[in-house]
Amino acid sequence: MALPHARWRGAKNGANWALVGVKVLNAYSHWAVDDEFERTAPTLVFLLMLGCRLVVDWQVAKREREQQALQEQHQQQQQQQSLPAAAAKQKIEQKKDQ
C-alpha cells in the first residue's frame, strides 16, 4: 500500500522518532541488566534500521527541495528572457503607431 509520501511524511517521521526513543531506552535497559548480546541484537538491528529510514527520508526531502529550487530558478530565467522580447515587441508596435 503506497501512501502519498509528502502528505504523510510528518506523521511517519514522528512515529519513527518515537520508535527510536523507545529502542534507545530498550537498548539501555539491556545494557543496564547486563544482558547477553544475543538478547540485545534485535533491539540494535531495529534501532539501526530506524536510523537508516530517517537518513533516507532526509535525503529524499533534500533532493525534492533542490529540484524545486532548480525549477523556480529555471522559471525565473525564462521570465527574464521573455522580458526583453516583450519590450522589443512594444517598441516595434510603438514605431508602427507613429
N, C-alpha and C. Protein backbone atom coordinates (compact mmCIF):
# COMPACT_ATOMS: atom_id res chain seq x y z
N MET A 1 0.85 -1.18 0.00
CA MET A 1 0.00 0.00 0.00
C MET A 1 0.89 1.24 0.00
N ALA A 2 0.76 2.05 -1.00
CA ALA A 2 1.59 3.25 -1.12
C ALA A 2 0.76 4.49 -0.81
N LEU A 3 1.18 5.22 0.18
CA LEU A 3 0.51 6.47 0.51
C LEU A 3 1.31 7.62 -0.07
N PRO A 4 0.65 8.73 -0.37
CA PRO A 4 1.40 9.89 -0.86
C PRO A 4 2.47 10.28 0.15
N HIS A 5 3.71 10.29 -0.34
CA HIS A 5 4.84 10.48 0.58
C HIS A 5 4.83 11.84 1.26
N ALA A 6 4.59 12.88 0.52
CA ALA A 6 4.68 14.22 1.10
C ALA A 6 3.59 14.46 2.15
N ARG A 7 2.42 13.89 1.92
CA ARG A 7 1.31 14.14 2.84
C ARG A 7 1.54 13.50 4.20
N TRP A 8 2.12 12.33 4.22
CA TRP A 8 2.28 11.58 5.47
C TRP A 8 3.69 11.64 6.02
N ARG A 9 4.58 12.43 5.44
CA ARG A 9 5.98 12.46 5.87
C ARG A 9 6.11 12.86 7.34
N GLY A 10 5.38 13.86 7.76
CA GLY A 10 5.49 14.30 9.15
C GLY A 10 5.03 13.25 10.14
N ALA A 11 3.93 12.58 9.83
CA ALA A 11 3.42 11.53 10.72
C ALA A 11 4.38 10.35 10.77
N LYS A 12 4.90 9.97 9.60
CA LYS A 12 5.83 8.84 9.57
C LYS A 12 7.11 9.16 10.33
N ASN A 13 7.62 10.36 10.14
CA ASN A 13 8.85 10.73 10.85
C ASN A 13 8.60 10.84 12.35
N GLY A 14 7.45 11.34 12.73
CA GLY A 14 7.12 11.41 14.16
C GLY A 14 7.07 10.02 14.78
N ALA A 15 6.44 9.08 14.07
CA ALA A 15 6.39 7.71 14.57
C ALA A 15 7.78 7.08 14.61
N ASN A 16 8.58 7.36 13.59
CA ASN A 16 9.94 6.81 13.58
C ASN A 16 10.77 7.36 14.74
N TRP A 17 10.66 8.65 15.00
CA TRP A 17 11.41 9.24 16.12
C TRP A 17 10.93 8.68 17.46
N ALA A 18 9.63 8.45 17.59
CA ALA A 18 9.11 7.85 18.82
C ALA A 18 9.68 6.43 19.00
N LEU A 19 9.71 5.66 17.90
CA LEU A 19 10.28 4.31 17.98
C LEU A 19 11.77 4.34 18.27
N VAL A 20 12.48 5.31 17.72
CA VAL A 20 13.91 5.45 18.02
C VAL A 20 14.08 5.68 19.52
N GLY A 21 13.26 6.57 20.08
CA GLY A 21 13.35 6.82 21.53
C GLY A 21 13.08 5.58 22.35
N VAL A 22 12.06 4.83 21.98
CA VAL A 22 11.74 3.60 22.70
C VAL A 22 12.88 2.60 22.58
N LYS A 23 13.44 2.46 21.39
CA LYS A 23 14.51 1.48 21.20
C LYS A 23 15.80 1.91 21.90
N VAL A 24 16.06 3.19 21.99
CA VAL A 24 17.23 3.65 22.75
C VAL A 24 17.05 3.28 24.22
N LEU A 25 15.85 3.51 24.76
CA LEU A 25 15.59 3.12 26.15
C LEU A 25 15.67 1.61 26.32
N ASN A 26 15.19 0.88 25.32
CA ASN A 26 15.25 -0.58 25.36
C ASN A 26 16.71 -1.06 25.35
N ALA A 27 17.54 -0.46 24.49
CA ALA A 27 18.95 -0.83 24.43
C ALA A 27 19.64 -0.51 25.76
N TYR A 28 19.29 0.64 26.34
CA TYR A 28 19.87 0.99 27.63
C TYR A 28 19.46 -0.02 28.70
N SER A 29 18.21 -0.45 28.69
CA SER A 29 17.78 -1.41 29.71
C SER A 29 18.50 -2.75 29.53
N HIS A 30 18.74 -3.18 28.29
CA HIS A 30 19.52 -4.39 28.06
C HIS A 30 20.94 -4.23 28.61
N TRP A 31 21.52 -3.07 28.38
CA TRP A 31 22.87 -2.81 28.87
C TRP A 31 22.89 -2.75 30.39
N ALA A 32 21.87 -2.11 30.99
CA ALA A 32 21.84 -1.92 32.44
C ALA A 32 21.73 -3.25 33.19
N VAL A 33 21.00 -4.21 32.63
CA VAL A 33 20.85 -5.50 33.31
C VAL A 33 21.91 -6.50 32.82
N ASP A 34 22.83 -6.03 32.00
CA ASP A 34 23.95 -6.84 31.52
C ASP A 34 23.48 -8.08 30.77
N ASP A 35 22.54 -7.87 29.83
CA ASP A 35 22.06 -8.97 29.00
C ASP A 35 23.14 -9.42 28.03
N GLU A 36 23.00 -10.64 27.56
CA GLU A 36 23.91 -11.14 26.54
C GLU A 36 23.62 -10.43 25.22
N PHE A 37 24.61 -10.46 24.34
CA PHE A 37 24.47 -9.79 23.05
C PHE A 37 23.33 -10.39 22.24
N GLU A 38 23.11 -11.68 22.35
CA GLU A 38 22.05 -12.34 21.58
C GLU A 38 20.67 -11.77 21.93
N ARG A 39 20.50 -11.33 23.15
CA ARG A 39 19.22 -10.73 23.55
C ARG A 39 19.14 -9.25 23.16
N THR A 40 20.29 -8.60 23.06
CA THR A 40 20.34 -7.18 22.72
C THR A 40 20.34 -6.95 21.21
N ALA A 41 20.80 -7.92 20.43
CA ALA A 41 20.98 -7.75 18.98
C ALA A 41 19.71 -7.33 18.26
N PRO A 42 18.53 -7.92 18.51
CA PRO A 42 17.34 -7.47 17.78
C PRO A 42 17.02 -5.99 18.01
N THR A 43 17.23 -5.53 19.22
CA THR A 43 17.00 -4.10 19.50
C THR A 43 17.96 -3.24 18.72
N LEU A 44 19.22 -3.64 18.68
CA LEU A 44 20.22 -2.85 17.94
C LEU A 44 19.94 -2.85 16.44
N VAL A 45 19.54 -3.99 15.91
CA VAL A 45 19.24 -4.07 14.48
C VAL A 45 18.05 -3.17 14.14
N PHE A 46 17.00 -3.23 14.95
CA PHE A 46 15.83 -2.40 14.70
C PHE A 46 16.17 -0.91 14.85
N LEU A 47 16.99 -0.59 15.82
CA LEU A 47 17.42 0.80 16.02
C LEU A 47 18.21 1.30 14.81
N LEU A 48 19.09 0.48 14.29
CA LEU A 48 19.86 0.87 13.10
C LEU A 48 18.94 1.01 11.88
N MET A 49 17.97 0.11 11.75
CA MET A 49 17.03 0.20 10.63
C MET A 49 16.24 1.51 10.69
N LEU A 50 15.77 1.87 11.88
CA LEU A 50 15.03 3.13 12.02
C LEU A 50 15.91 4.32 11.69
N GLY A 51 17.16 4.27 12.14
CA GLY A 51 18.10 5.35 11.81
C GLY A 51 18.30 5.49 10.31
N CYS A 52 18.43 4.34 9.63
CA CYS A 52 18.60 4.36 8.17
C CYS A 52 17.36 4.92 7.48
N ARG A 53 16.18 4.58 7.98
CA ARG A 53 14.95 5.12 7.39
C ARG A 53 14.91 6.63 7.51
N LEU A 54 15.33 7.15 8.66
CA LEU A 54 15.32 8.60 8.84
C LEU A 54 16.35 9.28 7.93
N VAL A 55 17.50 8.65 7.75
CA VAL A 55 18.52 9.22 6.85
C VAL A 55 18.02 9.23 5.41
N VAL A 56 17.40 8.13 4.98
CA VAL A 56 16.88 8.07 3.61
C VAL A 56 15.79 9.12 3.40
N ASP A 57 14.89 9.28 4.37
CA ASP A 57 13.85 10.29 4.25
C ASP A 57 14.45 11.69 4.18
N TRP A 58 15.49 11.93 4.97
CA TRP A 58 16.16 13.23 4.93
C TRP A 58 16.76 13.47 3.55
N GLN A 59 17.38 12.44 2.95
CA GLN A 59 17.96 12.58 1.61
C GLN A 59 16.89 12.86 0.56
N VAL A 60 15.75 12.16 0.67
CA VAL A 60 14.66 12.37 -0.29
C VAL A 60 14.13 13.79 -0.17
N ALA A 61 13.93 14.26 1.06
CA ALA A 61 13.43 15.62 1.27
C ALA A 61 14.41 16.66 0.73
N LYS A 62 15.69 16.42 0.95
CA LYS A 62 16.72 17.34 0.45
C LYS A 62 16.70 17.38 -1.07
N ARG A 63 16.59 16.21 -1.72
CA ARG A 63 16.55 16.15 -3.18
C ARG A 63 15.32 16.88 -3.72
N GLU A 64 14.17 16.70 -3.07
CA GLU A 64 12.95 17.38 -3.51
C GLU A 64 13.09 18.89 -3.38
N ARG A 65 13.69 19.36 -2.29
CA ARG A 65 13.92 20.81 -2.13
C ARG A 65 14.84 21.34 -3.21
N GLU A 66 15.90 20.59 -3.53
CA GLU A 66 16.84 21.03 -4.56
C GLU A 66 16.17 21.07 -5.93
N GLN A 67 15.35 20.06 -6.23
CA GLN A 67 14.65 20.04 -7.52
C GLN A 67 13.67 21.20 -7.63
N GLN A 68 12.97 21.50 -6.54
CA GLN A 68 12.04 22.62 -6.56
C GLN A 68 12.78 23.93 -6.75
N ALA A 69 13.92 24.08 -6.09
CA ALA A 69 14.71 25.30 -6.24
C ALA A 69 15.19 25.44 -7.69
N LEU A 70 15.61 24.33 -8.31
CA LEU A 70 16.05 24.39 -9.70
C LEU A 70 14.90 24.76 -10.64
N GLN A 71 13.71 24.24 -10.37
CA GLN A 71 12.55 24.58 -11.19
C GLN A 71 12.21 26.07 -11.06
N GLU A 72 12.26 26.58 -9.84
CA GLU A 72 11.98 28.00 -9.63
C GLU A 72 13.02 28.87 -10.32
N GLN A 73 14.28 28.43 -10.25
CA GLN A 73 15.35 29.19 -10.91
C GLN A 73 15.15 29.17 -12.43
N HIS A 74 14.76 28.03 -12.96
CA HIS A 74 14.51 27.91 -14.40
C HIS A 74 13.35 28.81 -14.83
N GLN A 75 12.29 28.84 -14.03
CA GLN A 75 11.14 29.70 -14.34
C GLN A 75 11.54 31.17 -14.31
N GLN A 76 12.37 31.56 -13.35
CA GLN A 76 12.82 32.95 -13.28
C GLN A 76 13.67 33.31 -14.50
N GLN A 77 14.52 32.38 -14.93
CA GLN A 77 15.34 32.64 -16.11
C GLN A 77 14.47 32.79 -17.35
N GLN A 78 13.44 31.96 -17.47
CA GLN A 78 12.55 32.07 -18.61
C GLN A 78 11.81 33.41 -18.59
N GLN A 79 11.39 33.85 -17.41
CA GLN A 79 10.70 35.13 -17.31
C GLN A 79 11.63 36.27 -17.68
N GLN A 80 12.89 36.19 -17.25
CA GLN A 80 13.85 37.25 -17.56
C GLN A 80 14.16 37.27 -19.06
N GLN A 81 14.17 36.12 -19.68
CA GLN A 81 14.44 36.06 -21.11
C GLN A 81 13.25 36.56 -21.92
N SER A 82 12.06 36.36 -21.39
CA SER A 82 10.87 36.80 -22.12
C SER A 82 10.64 38.30 -21.97
N LEU A 83 11.18 38.92 -20.93
CA LEU A 83 11.00 40.37 -20.74
C LEU A 83 11.62 41.18 -21.88
N PRO A 84 12.87 40.93 -22.30
CA PRO A 84 13.41 41.71 -23.43
C PRO A 84 12.61 41.51 -24.71
N ALA A 85 12.12 40.32 -24.93
CA ALA A 85 11.32 40.07 -26.14
C ALA A 85 10.03 40.87 -26.11
N ALA A 86 9.40 40.94 -24.93
CA ALA A 86 8.16 41.70 -24.79
C ALA A 86 8.44 43.19 -24.97
N ALA A 87 9.56 43.66 -24.45
CA ALA A 87 9.92 45.07 -24.60
C ALA A 87 10.19 45.40 -26.07
N ALA A 88 10.84 44.49 -26.78
CA ALA A 88 11.11 44.71 -28.20
C ALA A 88 9.81 44.76 -28.98
N LYS A 89 8.86 43.91 -28.65
CA LYS A 89 7.57 43.94 -29.33
C LYS A 89 6.87 45.27 -29.11
N GLN A 90 6.93 45.77 -27.88
CA GLN A 90 6.29 47.06 -27.58
C GLN A 90 6.93 48.18 -28.38
N LYS A 91 8.25 48.16 -28.51
CA LYS A 91 8.94 49.19 -29.28
C LYS A 91 8.53 49.14 -30.74
N ILE A 92 8.43 47.94 -31.28
CA ILE A 92 8.03 47.78 -32.68
C ILE A 92 6.61 48.30 -32.88
N GLU A 93 5.70 47.98 -31.95
CA GLU A 93 4.33 48.44 -32.05
C GLU A 93 4.26 49.96 -31.92
N GLN A 94 5.09 50.53 -31.06
CA GLN A 94 5.08 51.99 -30.91
C GLN A 94 5.57 52.66 -32.19
N LYS A 95 6.58 52.09 -32.84
CA LYS A 95 7.08 52.66 -34.09
C LYS A 95 6.03 52.56 -35.18
N LYS A 96 5.25 51.46 -35.20
CA LYS A 96 4.19 51.31 -36.19
C LYS A 96 3.11 52.35 -35.99
N ASP A 97 2.80 52.66 -34.73
CA ASP A 97 1.76 53.65 -34.41
C ASP A 97 2.19 55.06 -34.81
N GLN A 98 3.46 55.33 -34.83
CA GLN A 98 3.93 56.70 -35.14
C GLN A 98 3.92 56.89 -36.59
